[in-house]
């Protein structure tokens, strides 16, 4: 019996979208480093999940 795969990649992509769209990159002409820090924390996890799934599991191959 195969264990079902949980679609973590769409959840992580949604997180990245909300981080990007929900926070300004600049605030009072200053770079919002907190936004960049959070995005930098989530991105490697999304890349790792995408690599783990491989092309056949994502529907693109």
Protein backbone atom coordinates (compact mmCIF):
# COMPACT_ATOMS: atom_id res chain seq x y z
CA UNK A 1 0.00 0.00 0.00
CA UNK A 2 1.43 3.36 -1.06
CA UNK A 3 1.39 6.30 1.30
CA UNK A 4 -0.41 9.28 -0.27
CA UNK A 5 1.76 12.24 -1.15
CA UNK A 6 0.81 15.53 0.44
CA UNK A 7 1.09 18.43 -2.03
CA UNK A 8 3.48 20.62 -0.04
CA UNK A 9 4.78 22.49 -3.08
CA UNK A 10 1.52 24.39 -3.76
CA UNK A 11 1.36 25.37 -0.09
CA UNK A 12 4.91 26.72 -0.16
CA UNK A 13 4.27 28.58 -3.41
CA UNK A 14 1.20 30.15 -1.84
CA UNK A 15 3.33 31.22 1.13
CA UNK A 16 5.89 32.80 -1.20
CA UNK A 17 3.12 34.63 -3.08
CA UNK A 18 1.65 36.04 0.12
CA UNK A 19 5.09 37.08 1.36
CA UNK A 20 5.74 38.91 -1.91
CA UNK A 21 2.32 40.45 -2.50
CA UNK A 22 1.44 41.18 1.14
CA UNK A 23 4.58 43.09 2.08
CA UNK A 24 6.18 46.12 0.54
CA UNK A 25 9.75 45.74 -0.69
CA UNK A 26 10.50 49.34 0.29
CA UNK A 27 9.16 51.25 3.28
CA UNK A 28 9.96 54.96 3.52
CA UNK A 29 12.70 54.49 0.88
CA UNK A 30 14.32 51.75 2.99
CA UNK A 31 14.60 48.11 1.98
CA UNK A 32 12.25 45.83 3.91
CA UNK A 33 14.83 43.25 4.98
CA UNK A 34 12.28 41.33 7.04
CA UNK A 35 10.37 40.50 3.84
CA UNK A 36 13.57 39.38 2.14
CA UNK A 37 14.60 37.32 5.17
CA UNK A 38 11.25 35.50 5.32
CA UNK A 39 11.23 34.88 1.56
CA UNK A 40 14.80 33.60 1.79
CA UNK A 41 13.76 31.22 4.56
CA UNK A 42 10.80 29.73 2.64
CA UNK A 43 12.41 29.46 -0.82
CA UNK A 44 14.96 26.70 -0.05
CA UNK A 45 12.19 24.56 1.39
CA UNK A 46 10.12 24.96 -1.78
CA UNK A 47 13.15 24.08 -3.91
CA UNK A 48 13.83 21.01 -1.79
CA UNK A 49 10.24 19.78 -2.11
CA UNK A 50 10.23 20.36 -5.88
CA UNK A 51 13.52 18.45 -6.22
CA UNK A 52 12.23 15.59 -4.05
CA UNK A 53 9.03 15.23 -6.09
CA UNK A 54 10.84 15.15 -9.41
CA UNK A 55 9.34 15.86 -12.84
CA UNK A 56 7.01 12.84 -12.94
CA UNK A 57 5.27 13.77 -9.68
CA UNK A 58 4.60 17.40 -10.58
CA UNK A 59 2.61 16.60 -13.73
CA UNK A 60 5.22 18.07 -16.07
CA UNK A 61 6.89 14.93 -17.26
